[in-house]
C-alpha atoms as a PDB file:
ATOM      1  CA  MET A   1       0.124   0.110  -0.121  1.00  0.00           C
ATOM      2  CA  ALA A   2       1.420   3.575  -1.070  1.00  0.00           C
ATOM      3  CA  LYS A   3       1.644   6.399   1.446  1.00  0.00           C
ATOM      4  CA  ASN A   4      -0.941   7.908   0.151  1.00  0.00           C
ATOM      5  CA  GLY A   5      -3.813   5.295   0.433  1.00  0.00           C
ATOM      6  CA  TYR A   6      -3.367   3.956  -3.605  1.00  0.00           C
ATOM      7  CA  ASN A   7      -2.549   0.339  -4.531  1.00  0.00           C
ATOM      8  CA  ASN A   8      -1.270   1.741  -7.504  1.00  0.00           C
ATOM      9  CA  TRP A   9      -0.954   4.622  -9.447  1.00  0.00           C
ATOM     10  CA  PHE A  10      -4.021   4.416 -11.744  1.00  0.00           C
ATOM     11  CA  ASP A  11      -6.257   3.849  -8.802  1.00  0.00           C
ATOM     12  CA  ALA A  12      -6.418   7.785  -8.529  1.00  0.00           C
ATOM     13  CA  PHE A  13      -7.164   8.247 -12.206  1.00  0.00           C
ATOM     14  CA  HIS A  14     -10.623   9.961 -11.901  1.00  0.00           C
ATOM     15  CA  ALA A  15     -11.897  13.582 -13.040  1.00  0.00           C
ATOM     16  CA  GLY A  16     -11.393  16.375 -10.164  1.00  0.00           C
ATOM     17  CA  THR A  17      -9.310  16.237  -6.791  1.00  0.00           C
ATOM     18  CA  GLU A  18      -8.238  12.860  -7.284  1.00  0.00           C
ATOM     19  CA  PHE A  19      -6.412  13.763 -10.441  1.00  0.00           C
ATOM     20  CA  VAL A  20      -3.954  16.063  -8.469  1.00  0.00           C
ATOM     21  CA  GLU A  21      -3.045  12.745  -6.611  1.00  0.00           C
ATOM     22  CA  TRP A  22      -2.672  10.986  -9.794  1.00  0.00           C
ATOM     23  CA  PHE A  23      -0.494  13.673 -11.120  1.00  0.00           C
ATOM     24  CA  ALA A  24       1.578  14.116  -8.262  1.00  0.00           C
ATOM     25  CA  TYR A  25       1.826  10.051  -7.695  1.00  0.00           C
ATOM     26  CA  PRO A  26       4.845   9.286  -9.846  1.00  0.00           C
ATOM     27  CA  PHE A  27       7.031  11.904  -8.754  1.00  0.00           C
ATOM     28  CA  VAL A  28       6.632  11.465  -5.088  1.00  0.00           C
ATOM     29  CA  ASN A  29       6.532   7.758  -5.278  1.00  0.00           C
ATOM     30  CA  TYR A  30       8.894   7.169  -8.073  1.00  0.00           C
ATOM     31  CA  LEU A  31      11.193  10.172  -8.254  1.00  0.00           C
ATOM     32  CA  PHE A  32      10.899  10.866  -4.196  1.00  0.00           C
ATOM     33  CA  PHE A  33      10.048  14.513  -4.631  1.00  0.00           C
ATOM     34  CA  ASN A  34       9.752  15.926  -1.509  1.00  0.00           C
ATOM     35  CA  TYR A  35       7.122  18.597  -0.211  1.00  0.00           C
ATOM     36  CA  GLU A  36       9.300  21.667  -1.555  1.00  0.00           C
ATOM     37  CA  MET A  37       9.982  19.927  -4.706  1.00  0.00           C
ATOM     38  CA  ILE A  38       6.479  18.773  -5.862  1.00  0.00           C
ATOM     39  CA  MET A  39       5.368  22.492  -4.792  1.00  0.00           C
ATOM     40  CA  PHE A  40       7.920  24.222  -7.015  1.00  0.00           C
ATOM     41  CA  PHE A  41       7.299  21.587  -9.983  1.00  0.00           C
ATOM     42  CA  CYS A  42       3.295  22.781  -9.766  1.00  0.00           C
ATOM     43  CA  THR A  43       4.680  26.253  -9.751  1.00  0.00           C
ATOM     44  CA  TRP A  44       6.538  25.838 -12.972  1.00  0.00           C
ATOM     45  CA  ILE A  45       3.347  24.348 -14.682  1.00  0.00           C
ATOM     46  CA  GLY A  46       1.506  27.213 -13.610  1.00  0.00           C
ATOM     47  CA  PHE A  47       4.213  29.625 -14.816  1.00  0.00           C
ATOM     48  CA  LEU A  48       4.227  27.442 -18.246  1.00  0.00           C
ATOM     49  CA  GLY A  49       0.405  28.739 -18.324  1.00  0.00           C
ATOM     50  CA  PHE A  50       1.454  32.177 -18.451  1.00  0.00           C
ATOM     51  CA  ILE A  51       3.964  31.778 -20.933  1.00  0.00           C
ATOM     52  CA  TYR A  52       1.369  30.077 -23.316  1.00  0.00           C
ATOM     53  CA  PHE A  53      -1.029  32.785 -22.665  1.00  0.00           C
ATOM     54  CA  TYR A  54       1.492  35.693 -23.157  1.00  0.00           C
ATOM     55  CA  CYS A  55       2.268  33.920 -26.579  1.00  0.00           C
ATOM     56  CA  PHE A  56      -1.491  33.734 -27.612  1.00  0.00           C
ATOM     57  CA  PHE A  57      -1.881  37.466 -26.721  1.00  0.00           C
ATOM     58  CA  LYS A  58       1.504  38.666 -28.693  1.00  0.00           C
ATOM     59  CA  GLU A  59       0.617  36.286 -31.693  1.00  0.00           C
ATOM     60  CA  ASN A  60      -3.235  37.624 -31.782  1.00  0.00           C
ATOM     61  CA  LEU A  61      -2.360  41.727 -31.392  1.00  0.00           C
ATOM     62  CA  ARG A  62      -0.742  43.685 -33.643  1.00  0.00           C
ATOM     63  CA  PHE A  63      -0.034  46.502 -31.091  1.00  0.00           C
ATOM     64  CA  ASN A  64       0.912  46.470 -27.260  1.00  0.00           C
ATOM     65  CA  PRO A  65      -2.291  47.683 -25.656  1.00  0.00           C
ATOM     66  CA  LYS A  66      -1.152  50.520 -23.285  1.00  0.00           C
ATOM     67  CA  PHE A  67      -2.396  51.351 -19.363  1.00  0.00           C
ATOM     68  CA  GLU A  68      -1.108  54.776 -18.505  1.00  0.00           C
ATOM     69  CA  GLY A  69       2.050  54.477 -20.927  1.00  0.00           C
ATOM     70  CA  TRP A  70       2.817  50.696 -19.404  1.00  0.00           C
ATOM     71  CA  ASP A  71       2.427  47.390 -21.503  1.00  0.00           C
ATOM     72  CA  ALA A  72      -1.007  46.256 -20.823  1.00  0.00           C
ATOM     73  CA  ILE A  73      -0.077  42.553 -21.629  1.00  0.00           C
ATOM     74  CA  THR A  74       2.806  42.404 -19.175  1.00  0.00           C
ATOM     75  CA  ILE A  75       0.485  43.936 -16.569  1.00  0.00           C
ATOM     76  CA  PHE A  76      -1.792  41.270 -16.670  1.00  0.00           C
ATOM     77  CA  MET A  77       1.117  38.971 -16.328  1.00  0.00           C
ATOM     78  CA  PHE A  78       2.003  39.730 -13.219  1.00  0.00           C
ATOM     79  CA  LEU A  79      -1.494  40.408 -11.462  1.00  0.00           C
ATOM     80  CA  PRO A  80      -0.424  38.646  -7.822  1.00  0.00           C
ATOM     81  CA  ASN A  81      -3.542  36.954  -7.601  1.00  0.00           C
ATOM     82  CA  MET A  82      -2.891  35.041 -10.708  1.00  0.00           C
ATOM     83  CA  HIS A  83       0.258  33.985  -9.121  1.00  0.00           C
ATOM     84  CA  PHE A  84      -0.887  32.882  -5.725  1.00  0.00           C
ATOM     85  CA  TRP A  85      -3.500  30.188  -6.900  1.00  0.00           C
ATOM     86  CA  THR A  86      -1.207  28.567  -9.470  1.00  0.00           C
ATOM     87  CA  SER A  87       1.705  28.583  -7.540  1.00  0.00           C
ATOM     88  CA  SER A  88       1.130  25.392  -5.386  1.00  0.00           C
ATOM     89  CA  LEU A  89       0.294  21.705  -5.634  1.00  0.00           C
ATOM     90  CA  GLY A  90      -3.563  21.826  -6.469  1.00  0.00           C
ATOM     91  CA  LYS A  91      -6.281  22.090  -9.195  1.00  0.00           C
ATOM     92  CA  GLY A  92      -5.275  25.724  -9.734  1.00  0.00           C
ATOM     93  CA  ALA A  93      -1.767  25.476 -11.239  1.00  0.00           C
ATOM     94  CA  ILE A  94      -2.716  22.306 -13.373  1.00  0.00           C
ATOM     95  CA  ILE A  95      -5.420  23.644 -14.926  1.00  0.00           C
ATOM     96  CA  PHE A  96      -4.004  26.799 -15.633  1.00  0.00           C
ATOM     97  CA  GLY A  97      -1.094  25.328 -17.170  1.00  0.00           C
ATOM     98  CA  GLY A  98      -3.718  23.347 -19.430  1.00  0.00           C
ATOM     99  CA  LEU A  99      -5.588  26.063 -20.070  1.00  0.00           C
ATOM    100  CA  GLY A 100      -2.772  27.791 -21.168  1.00  0.00           C
ATOM    101  CA  LEU A 101      -1.677  25.447 -23.750  1.00  0.00           C
ATOM    102  CA  LEU A 102      -4.884  24.643 -25.264  1.00  0.00           C
ATOM    103  CA  THR A 103      -5.443  27.945 -25.883  1.00  0.00           C
ATOM    104  CA  TYR A 104      -2.387  28.378 -27.490  1.00  0.00           C
ATOM    105  CA  GLY A 105      -2.691  25.335 -29.629  1.00  0.00           C
ATOM    106  CA  LEU A 106      -6.269  26.674 -30.776  1.00  0.00           C
ATOM    107  CA  SER A 107      -4.594  29.441 -32.637  1.00  0.00           C
ATOM    108  CA  PHE A 108      -3.171  26.934 -34.787  1.00  0.00           C
ATOM    109  CA  PRO A 109      -4.480  23.631 -34.358  1.00  0.00           C
ATOM    110  CA  ALA A 110      -2.973  21.897 -37.272  1.00  0.00           C
ATOM    111  CA  LYS A 111       0.588  22.834 -36.034  1.00  0.00           C
ATOM    112  CA  ARG A 112       0.177  22.541 -32.304  1.00  0.00           C
ATOM    113  CA  ILE A 113      -1.505  19.004 -31.832  1.00  0.00           C
ATOM    114  CA  PRO A 114       0.681  18.178 -28.872  1.00  0.00           C
ATOM    115  CA  GLN A 115       0.074  21.612 -27.120  1.00  0.00           C
ATOM    116  CA  LEU A 116      -4.157  20.859 -27.765  1.00  0.00           C
ATOM    117  CA  LEU A 117      -3.499  17.153 -26.399  1.00  0.00           C
ATOM    118  CA  ILE A 118      -1.752  17.884 -23.273  1.00  0.00           C
ATOM    119  CA  GLY A 119      -3.855  20.990 -22.772  1.00  0.00           C
ATOM    120  CA  GLY A 120      -6.877  19.449 -23.217  1.00  0.00           C
ATOM    121  CA  PHE A 121      -6.069  16.254 -21.128  1.00  0.00           C
ATOM    122  CA  LEU A 122      -5.041  18.355 -17.983  1.00  0.00           C
ATOM    123  CA  VAL A 123      -8.343  20.676 -18.345  1.00  0.00           C
ATOM    124  CA  TYR A 124     -10.678  17.712 -18.794  1.00  0.00           C
ATOM    125  CA  MET A 125      -9.174  15.808 -15.998  1.00  0.00           C
ATOM    126  CA  ILE A 126      -9.464  18.682 -13.513  1.00  0.00           C
ATOM    127  CA  ARG A 127     -12.568  20.302 -14.682  1.00  0.00           C
ATOM    128  CA  PRO A 128     -14.490  18.782 -17.692  1.00  0.00           C
ATOM    129  CA  HIS A 129     -17.262  21.325 -17.786  1.00  0.00           C
ATOM    130  CA  ILE A 130     -14.566  24.118 -18.821  1.00  0.00           C
ATOM    131  CA  PHE A 131     -13.009  22.112 -21.061  1.00  0.00           C
ATOM    132  CA  PHE A 132     -16.085  21.574 -23.174  1.00  0.00           C
ATOM    133  CA  ALA A 133     -16.848  25.500 -22.817  1.00  0.00           C
ATOM    134  CA  VAL A 134     -13.543  25.644 -24.429  1.00  0.00           C
ATOM    135  CA  LEU A 135     -14.136  23.383 -27.221  1.00  0.00           C
ATOM    136  CA  ILE A 136     -17.796  24.807 -27.828  1.00  0.00           C
ATOM    137  CA  GLY A 137     -16.452  28.368 -27.696  1.00  0.00           C
ATOM    138  CA  MET A 138     -14.070  27.786 -30.274  1.00  0.00           C
ATOM    139  CA  ALA A 139     -16.555  25.845 -32.633  1.00  0.00           C
ATOM    140  CA  VAL A 140     -18.750  28.953 -32.431  1.00  0.00           C
ATOM    141  CA  GLY A 141     -15.974  31.372 -32.558  1.00  0.00           C
ATOM    142  CA  TYR A 142     -14.879  29.295 -35.718  1.00  0.00           C
ATOM    143  CA  VAL A 143     -18.288  29.150 -37.366  1.00  0.00           C
ATOM    144  CA  LEU A 144     -18.853  32.929 -36.770  1.00  0.00           C
ATOM    145  CA  GLY A 145     -15.365  34.470 -37.266  1.00  0.00           C
ATOM    146  CA  ARG A 146     -14.162  36.206 -40.028  1.00  0.00           C
ATOM    147  CA  GLU A 147     -11.822  34.019 -41.337  1.00  0.00           C
ATOM    148  CA  LYS A 148     -12.856  32.699 -44.541  1.00  0.00           C
ATOM    149  CA  VAL A 149     -13.435  28.942 -44.509  1.00  0.00           C
ATOM    150  CA  PRO A 150     -15.549  26.738 -46.546  1.00  0.00           C
ATOM    151  CA  LEU A 151     -19.003  26.360 -45.082  1.00  0.00           C
ATOM    152  CA  TYR A 152     -18.619  22.516 -45.095  1.00  0.00           C
ATOM    153  CA  GLN A 153     -15.998  23.060 -42.529  1.00  0.00           C
ATOM    154  CA  LYS A 154     -18.258  25.290 -40.349  1.00  0.00           C
ATOM    155  CA  TYR A 155     -21.191  22.912 -40.446  1.00  0.00           C
ATOM    156  CA  LEU A 156     -18.757  20.034 -39.380  1.00  0.00           C
ATOM    157  CA  THR A 157     -17.138  21.858 -36.942  1.00  0.00           C
ATOM    158  CA  ALA A 158     -20.983  22.914 -35.511  1.00  0.00           C
ATOM    159  CA  ILE A 159     -22.321  19.386 -36.006  1.00  0.00           C
ATOM    160  CA  ALA A 160     -18.812  17.741 -34.089  1.00  0.00           C
ATOM    161  CA  GLY A 161     -19.521  20.338 -31.068  1.00  0.00           C
ATOM    162  CA  ILE A 162     -23.186  19.198 -30.608  1.00  0.00           C
ATOM    163  CA  VAL A 163     -22.612  15.711 -30.552  1.00  0.00           C
ATOM    164  CA  LEU A 164     -19.626  16.045 -28.139  1.00  0.00           C
ATOM    165  CA  SER A 165     -22.037  17.770 -25.778  1.00  0.00           C
ATOM    166  CA  VAL A 166     -24.398  15.329 -26.022  1.00  0.00           C
ATOM    167  CA  LEU A 167     -22.365  12.678 -25.752  1.00  0.00           C
ATOM    168  CA  PHE A 168     -20.930  13.786 -22.513  1.00  0.00           C
ATOM    169  CA  TYR A 169     -23.860  16.013 -21.193  1.00  0.00           C
ATOM    170  CA  GLU A 170     -24.241  13.112 -18.474  1.00  0.00           C
ATOM    171  CA  LYS A 171     -20.799  12.661 -17.201  1.00  0.00           C
ATOM    172  CA  ILE A 172     -20.366  16.576 -16.769  1.00  0.00           C
ATOM    173  CA  ILE A 173     -23.660  16.854 -15.025  1.00  0.00           C
ATOM    174  CA  LEU A 174     -22.819  14.067 -12.790  1.00  0.00           C
ATOM    175  CA  TYR A 175     -19.643  15.435 -12.389  1.00  0.00           C
ATOM    176  CA  LEU A 176     -20.969  18.704 -11.374  1.00  0.00           C
ATOM    177  CA  GLY A 177     -23.152  16.391  -8.313  1.00  0.00           C
ATOM    178  CA  TYR A 178     -26.291  16.836 -10.292  1.00  0.00           C
ATOM    179  CA  ASP A 179     -29.145  14.505 -11.312  1.00  0.00           C
ATOM    180  CA  PRO A 180     -29.438  14.361 -14.925  1.00  0.00           C
ATOM    181  CA  ASN A 181     -32.785  12.862 -14.746  1.00  0.00           C
ATOM    182  CA  ASN A 182     -33.888  15.900 -12.635  1.00  0.00           C
ATOM    183  CA  LEU A 183     -31.882  18.537 -13.389  1.00  0.00           C
ATOM    184  CA  LEU A 184     -33.872  21.399 -12.313  1.00  0.00           C
ATOM    185  CA  GLU A 185     -34.645  19.857  -8.824  1.00  0.00           C
ATOM    186  CA  SER A 186     -31.257  18.783  -7.901  1.00  0.00           C
ATOM    187  CA  PHE A 187     -29.966  22.503  -8.655  1.00  0.00           C
ATOM    188  CA  GLU A 188     -32.359  23.740  -6.243  1.00  0.00           C
ATOM    189  CA  GLU A 189     -31.282  21.113  -3.714  1.00  0.00           C
ATOM    190  CA  GLU A 190     -27.622  22.366  -4.305  1.00  0.00           C
ATOM    191  CA  SER A 191     -28.628  26.323  -4.178  1.00  0.00           C
ATOM    192  CA  ALA A 192     -30.622  25.456  -0.704  1.00  0.00           C
ATOM    193  CA  LEU A 193     -27.023  23.487   0.472  1.00  0.00           C
ATOM    194  CA  ASN A 194     -25.160  26.541  -0.577  1.00  0.00           C
ATOM    195  CA  ALA A 195     -27.370  29.179   1.424  1.00  0.00           C
ATOM    196  CA  GLN A 196     -27.140  27.003   4.498  1.00  0.00           C
ATOM    197  CA  ARG A 197     -23.267  26.955   4.157  1.00  0.00           C
ATOM    198  CA  LEU A 198     -23.302  30.625   4.233  1.00  0.00           C
ATOM    199  CA  GLN A 199     -24.608  30.802   7.556  1.00  0.00           C
ATOM    200  CA  SER A 200     -21.494  29.605   8.678  1.00  0.00           C
ATOM    201  CA  ALA A 201     -18.815  30.933   6.412  1.00  0.00           C
ATOM    202  CA  GLY A 202     -17.254  34.170   7.246  1.00  0.00           C
ATOM    203  CA  SER A 203     -16.499  35.362   3.649  1.00  0.00           C
ATOM    204  CA  GLY A 204     -19.897  34.087   1.912  1.00  0.00           C
ATOM    205  CA  VAL A 205     -22.056  35.988  -0.032  1.00  0.00           C
ATOM    206  CA  ASP A 206     -25.758  35.377  -0.384  1.00  0.00           C
ATOM    207  CA  MET A 207     -26.510  35.707  -4.455  1.00  0.00           C
ATOM    208  CA  SER A 208     -29.501  33.595  -4.485  1.00  0.00           C
ATOM    209  CA  ASN A 209     -31.724  36.515  -4.514  1.00  0.00           C
ATOM    210  CA  TYR A 210     -29.080  38.736  -6.924  1.00  0.00           C
ATOM    211  CA  SER A 211     -30.161  39.251 -10.660  1.00  0.00           C
ATOM    212  CA  LEU A 212     -28.047  37.742 -13.256  1.00  0.00           C
ATOM    213  CA  PRO A 213     -26.087  41.110 -13.794  1.00  0.00           C
ATOM    214  CA  MET A 214     -25.412  41.423  -9.919  1.00  0.00           C
ATOM    215  CA  LYS A 215     -24.425  37.659  -9.906  1.00  0.00           C
ATOM    216  CA  LEU A 216     -21.744  38.368 -12.645  1.00  0.00           C
ATOM    217  CA  PHE A 217     -20.354  41.562 -11.096  1.00  0.00           C
ATOM    218  CA  THR A 218     -19.955  39.875  -8.163  1.00  0.00           C
ATOM    219  CA  PHE A 219     -18.013  37.020  -9.533  1.00  0.00           C
ATOM    220  CA  TRP A 220     -15.949  39.169 -11.855  1.00  0.00           C
ATOM    221  CA  PHE A 221     -15.214  42.435  -9.245  1.00  0.00           C
ATOM    222  CA  ARG A 222     -15.688  41.731  -5.802  1.00  0.00           C
ATOM    223  CA  PRO A 223     -14.669  41.932  -3.590  1.00  0.00           C
ATOM    224  CA  LEU A 224     -14.034  45.746  -3.673  1.00  0.00           C
ATOM    225  CA  PHE A 225     -12.454  47.503  -0.474  1.00  0.00           C
ATOM    226  CA  VAL A 226     -15.357  48.024   1.147  1.00  0.00           C
ATOM    227  CA  ASP A 227     -16.157  43.978   1.473  1.00  0.00           C
ATOM    228  CA  SER A 228     -12.515  42.500   1.421  1.00  0.00           C
ATOM    229  CA  PRO A 229     -12.526  39.639   4.266  1.00  0.00           C
ATOM    230  CA  ASN A 230      -9.197  39.880   4.697  1.00  0.00           C
ATOM    231  CA  ALA A 231      -5.594  41.012   3.711  1.00  0.00           C
ATOM    232  CA  LEU A 232      -5.781  39.188   0.640  1.00  0.00           C
ATOM    233  CA  GLY A 233      -8.784  40.547  -0.264  1.00  0.00           C
ATOM    234  CA  ILE A 234      -7.695  44.187  -0.256  1.00  0.00           C
ATOM    235  CA  VAL A 235      -4.855  42.783  -2.674  1.00  0.00           C
ATOM    236  CA  VAL A 236      -7.546  41.251  -5.057  1.00  0.00           C
ATOM    237  CA  SER A 237      -9.603  44.577  -4.469  1.00  0.00           C
ATOM    238  CA  ILE A 238      -6.932  46.262  -6.235  1.00  0.00           C
ATOM    239  CA  GLU A 239      -6.992  43.624  -9.241  1.00  0.00           C
ATOM    240  CA  ASN A 240     -10.588  44.364  -9.556  1.00  0.00           C
ATOM    241  CA  VAL A 241     -10.324  47.855  -9.895  1.00  0.00           C
ATOM    242  CA  LEU A 242      -8.317  47.313 -12.999  1.00  0.00           C
ATOM    243  CA  TYR A 243     -10.401  44.623 -14.097  1.00  0.00           C
ATOM    244  CA  LEU A 244     -13.594  47.298 -13.698  1.00  0.00           C
ATOM    245  CA  TYR A 245     -11.359  49.641 -15.778  1.00  0.00           C
ATOM    246  CA  MET A 246     -10.375  47.415 -18.818  1.00  0.00           C
ATOM    247  CA  PHE A 247     -14.104  46.174 -18.598  1.00  0.00           C
ATOM    248  CA  SER A 248     -15.270  49.536 -19.152  1.00  0.00           C
ATOM    249  CA  LYS A 249     -13.621  49.866 -22.625  1.00  0.00           C
ATOM    250  CA  ILE A 250     -15.827  47.829 -24.050  1.00  0.00           C
ATOM    251  CA  PHE A 251     -18.487  49.899 -23.394  1.00  0.00           C
ATOM    252  CA  HIS A 252     -17.961  51.884 -26.540  1.00  0.00           C
ATOM    253  CA  LYS A 253     -20.200  52.611 -29.678  1.00  0.00           C
ATOM    254  CA  ASP A 254     -17.450  50.771 -31.840  1.00  0.00           C
ATOM    255  CA  PHE A 255     -17.577  47.390 -29.989  1.00  0.00           C
ATOM    256  CA  ILE A 256     -21.004  45.994 -31.423  1.00  0.00           C
ATOM    257  CA  LYS A 257     -19.379  46.942 -34.855  1.00  0.00           C
ATOM    258  CA  TYR A 258     -15.803  45.070 -33.911  1.00  0.00           C
ATOM    259  CA  ILE A 259     -17.081  42.011 -32.171  1.00  0.00           C
ATOM    260  CA  LYS A 260     -19.357  41.408 -35.527  1.00  0.00           C
ATOM    261  CA  ASP A 261     -16.284  40.689 -37.532  1.00  0.00           C
ATOM    262  CA  ALA A 262     -14.026  39.698 -35.025  1.00  0.00           C
ATOM    263  CA  PRO A 263     -12.023  37.061 -35.281  1.00  0.00           C
ATOM    264  CA  ALA A 264     -12.259  33.390 -34.363  1.00  0.00           C
ATOM    265  CA  MET A 265     -10.156  33.538 -31.151  1.00  0.00           C
ATOM    266  CA  VAL A 266     -11.715  36.614 -30.065  1.00  0.00           C
ATOM    267  CA  LYS A 267     -15.335  35.282 -30.246  1.00  0.00           C
ATOM    268  CA  MET A 268     -14.129  31.916 -28.781  1.00  0.00           C
ATOM    269  CA  SER A 269     -12.631  33.708 -25.730  1.00  0.00           C
ATOM    270  CA  GLY A 270     -15.602  35.950 -25.189  1.00  0.00           C
ATOM    271  CA  ILE A 271     -18.124  32.934 -25.357  1.00  0.00           C
ATOM    272  CA  VAL A 272     -15.809  30.782 -22.965  1.00  0.00           C
ATOM    273  CA  PHE A 273     -15.829  33.888 -20.187  1.00  0.00           C
ATOM    274  CA  PHE A 274     -19.160  34.519 -20.257  1.00  0.00           C
ATOM    275  CA  SER A 275     -20.606  30.895 -20.449  1.00  0.00           C
ATOM    276  CA  ILE A 276     -18.460  29.943 -17.782  1.00  0.00           C
ATOM    277  CA  SER A 277     -18.960  33.157 -15.744  1.00  0.00           C
ATOM    278  CA  ILE A 278     -22.765  32.205 -15.760  1.00  0.00           C
ATOM    279  CA  SER A 279     -22.494  28.700 -14.861  1.00  0.00           C
ATOM    280  CA  MET A 280     -20.037  29.718 -11.905  1.00  0.00           C
ATOM    281  CA  THR A 281     -22.245  32.103 -10.731  1.00  0.00           C
ATOM    282  CA  TYR A 282     -25.009  29.638  -9.870  1.00  0.00           C
ATOM    283  CA  ILE A 283     -22.748  27.396  -8.196  1.00  0.00           C
ATOM    284  CA  MET A 284     -20.957  29.572  -6.285  1.00  0.00           C
ATOM    285  CA  SER A 285     -21.554  31.882  -3.072  1.00  0.00           C
ATOM    286  CA  ASN A 286     -18.360  32.241  -1.066  1.00  0.00           C
ATOM    287  CA  LEU A 287     -15.982  34.918  -1.817  1.00  0.00           C
ATOM    288  CA  GLY A 288     -12.659  33.017  -0.930  1.00  0.00           C
ATOM    289  CA  ILE A 289     -13.763  30.283  -3.815  1.00  0.00           C
ATOM    290  CA  ILE A 290     -14.935  33.158  -6.487  1.00  0.00           C
ATOM    291  CA  ILE A 291     -11.544  34.878  -5.675  1.00  0.00           C
ATOM    292  CA  ARG A 292      -9.865  31.349  -6.620  1.00  0.00           C
ATOM    293  CA  GLN A 293     -11.814  30.366  -9.546  1.00  0.00           C
ATOM    294  CA  LYS A 294     -12.192  33.416 -11.773  1.00  0.00           C
ATOM    295  CA  SER A 295      -8.493  33.496 -11.958  1.00  0.00           C
ATOM    296  CA  GLN A 296      -8.739  30.656 -14.664  1.00  0.00           C
ATOM    297  CA  ILE A 297     -11.033  32.438 -16.739  1.00  0.00           C
ATOM    298  CA  MET A 298     -10.149  36.411 -16.540  1.00  0.00           C
ATOM    299  CA  PHE A 299      -7.351  36.315 -18.947  1.00  0.00           C
ATOM    300  CA  TYR A 300     -10.243  35.713 -21.910  1.00  0.00           C
ATOM    301  CA  MET A 301     -12.005  38.837 -20.655  1.00  0.00           C
ATOM    302  CA  LEU A 302      -8.489  40.529 -20.811  1.00  0.00           C
ATOM    303  CA  PHE A 303      -7.823  39.393 -24.393  1.00  0.00           C
ATOM    304  CA  VAL A 304     -11.261  40.480 -25.658  1.00  0.00           C
ATOM    305  CA  VAL A 305     -10.404  44.263 -24.340  1.00  0.00           C
ATOM    306  CA  ALA A 306      -6.742  43.981 -25.245  1.00  0.00           C
ATOM    307  CA  ALA A 307      -7.976  42.726 -28.814  1.00  0.00           C
ATOM    308  CA  PHE A 308     -10.552  45.470 -29.242  1.00  0.00           C
ATOM    309  CA  LEU A 309      -8.421  48.322 -28.315  1.00  0.00           C
ATOM    310  CA  ASP A 310      -5.931  46.737 -30.636  1.00  0.00           C
ATOM    311  CA  TRP A 311      -8.463  46.987 -33.326  1.00  0.00           C
ATOM    312  CA  GLN A 312      -8.955  50.751 -32.367  1.00  0.00           C
ATOM    313  CA  LYS A 313      -5.690  51.376 -32.635  1.00  0.00           C
ATOM    314  CA  THR A 314      -5.637  49.939 -36.029  1.00  0.00           C
ATOM    315  CA  GLN A 315      -8.575  52.001 -37.611  1.00  0.00           C
ATOM    316  CA  ARG A 316      -7.189  55.085 -36.121  1.00  0.00           C
ATOM    317  CA  ILE A 317      -4.171  54.215 -38.253  1.00  0.00           C
ATOM    318  CA  LYS A 318      -6.114  53.779 -41.193  1.00  0.00           C
ATOM    319  CA  LYS A 319      -8.041  56.919 -40.841  1.00  0.00           C
ATOM    320  CA  ARG A 320      -4.565  58.765 -40.650  1.00  0.00           C
ATOM    321  CA  GLY A 321      -3.467  56.885 -43.896  1.00  0.00           C
ATOM    322  CA  GLU A 322      -6.606  58.233 -45.830  1.00  0.00           C
ATOM    323  CA  ILE A 323      -6.371  61.616 -44.469  1.00  0.00           C
ATOM    324  CA  TYR A 324      -2.409  61.233 -45.695  1.00  0.00           C
ATOM    325  CA  ASN A 325      -3.320  59.864 -49.056  1.00  0.00           C
ATOM    326  CA  ARG A 326      -6.091  62.524 -49.576  1.00  0.00           C
ATOM    327  CA  ILE A 327      -3.731  65.141 -48.914  1.00  0.00           C
ATOM    328  CA  VAL A 328      -1.296  63.726 -51.112  1.00  0.00           C
ATOM    329  CA  GLU A 329      -3.724  63.249 -53.990  1.00  0.00           C
ATOM    330  CA  ALA A 330      -4.753  67.166 -53.376  1.00  0.00           C
ATOM    331  CA  GLU A 331      -1.250  68.248 -53.589  1.00  0.00           C
ATOM    332  CA  ARG A 332      -0.623  66.061 -57.032  1.00  0.00           C
ATOM    333  CA  ARG A 333      -3.757  67.225 -58.466  1.00  0.00           C
ATOM    334  CA  LYS A 334      -2.753  70.931 -57.349  1.00  0.00           C
ATOM    335  CA  LEU A 335       0.285  70.593 -59.085  1.00  0.00           C
ATOM    336  CA  LEU A 336      -0.851  69.231 -62.380  1.00  0.00           C
ATOM    337  CA  SER A 337      -3.368  71.893 -62.497  1.00  0.00           C
ATOM    338  CA  LEU A 338      -0.487  74.463 -62.326  1.00  0.00           C
ATOM    339  CA  THR A 339       1.738  72.620 -64.745  1.00  0.00           C
ATOM    340  CA  ASP A 340      -1.363  72.650 -67.174  1.00  0.00           C
ATOM    341  CA  LYS A 341      -1.394  76.554 -66.727  1.00  0.00           C
ATOM    342  CA  GLY A 342       2.211  76.709 -67.226  1.00  0.00           C
ATOM    343  CA  ASP A 343       1.799  75.280 -70.482  1.00  0.00           C
END
């Protein structure tokens, strides 16, 4: 019997928390990693997630979006709450590394099959519902994106997404702890249990009576300074103010115009961000858990905002170019007219 209670490595091969034990098993039992070594190894996996997200941002943007003169992408990569939850042995580091690999691979799927396979495997084994949210988001983004692809490929992608959703629907519902045969009733029971837990939770927030916009605001931007539960909450509040500032950038008349013709990666990121956010707001009601879980998907929102700012800068450059060309053309005609008069 191994020290962690499993007879062999694959006894722990299950989706969820047990997968973390399966993941660490060979390093602890065969390579004899101690506590510090396995923690550092998981920190490295979380760091890989940042590297691949950084590469994803850079290859999908023409310019570096600025925040008060600073490189906004670099600021995103060094937000402390992101690193806090991705720097230890646990689901946070592994799924973040997997999401980075998976998202990076989806930019050029034909050329990045290893990243897709490894990233998809890690994400699926930690949180299957997030894995399928990313795939469905990619399918919808691919179909609706501005890239020119044959119509049959779009239909095949949509059909594949529907088939996968049907095949894995029951497994995902069971993983989340609901009854697939009586989903509404089991969901109501879970909501009642969450309300009971809030009575003893010091950082709980009762969202059962909140409207959907208020639930989303709580998930994305709380705690703020007025409801920070502890010192960590104050640090997170600083980040949330930055999130609010960045999110406010999309409340612009040009955003609707942009998102209609946005690339597939932008539409995928928006769909993944909103779909996962909506599902999580109905499951979570503890600020401590919210702080931890939202760090997995905030990069998708930040990418949409950065891509929009990138598009705005491109449009400004195009307009300046058009104005310059008109001036040059006017001067050319003026010179021609003067030449004609001289003749």
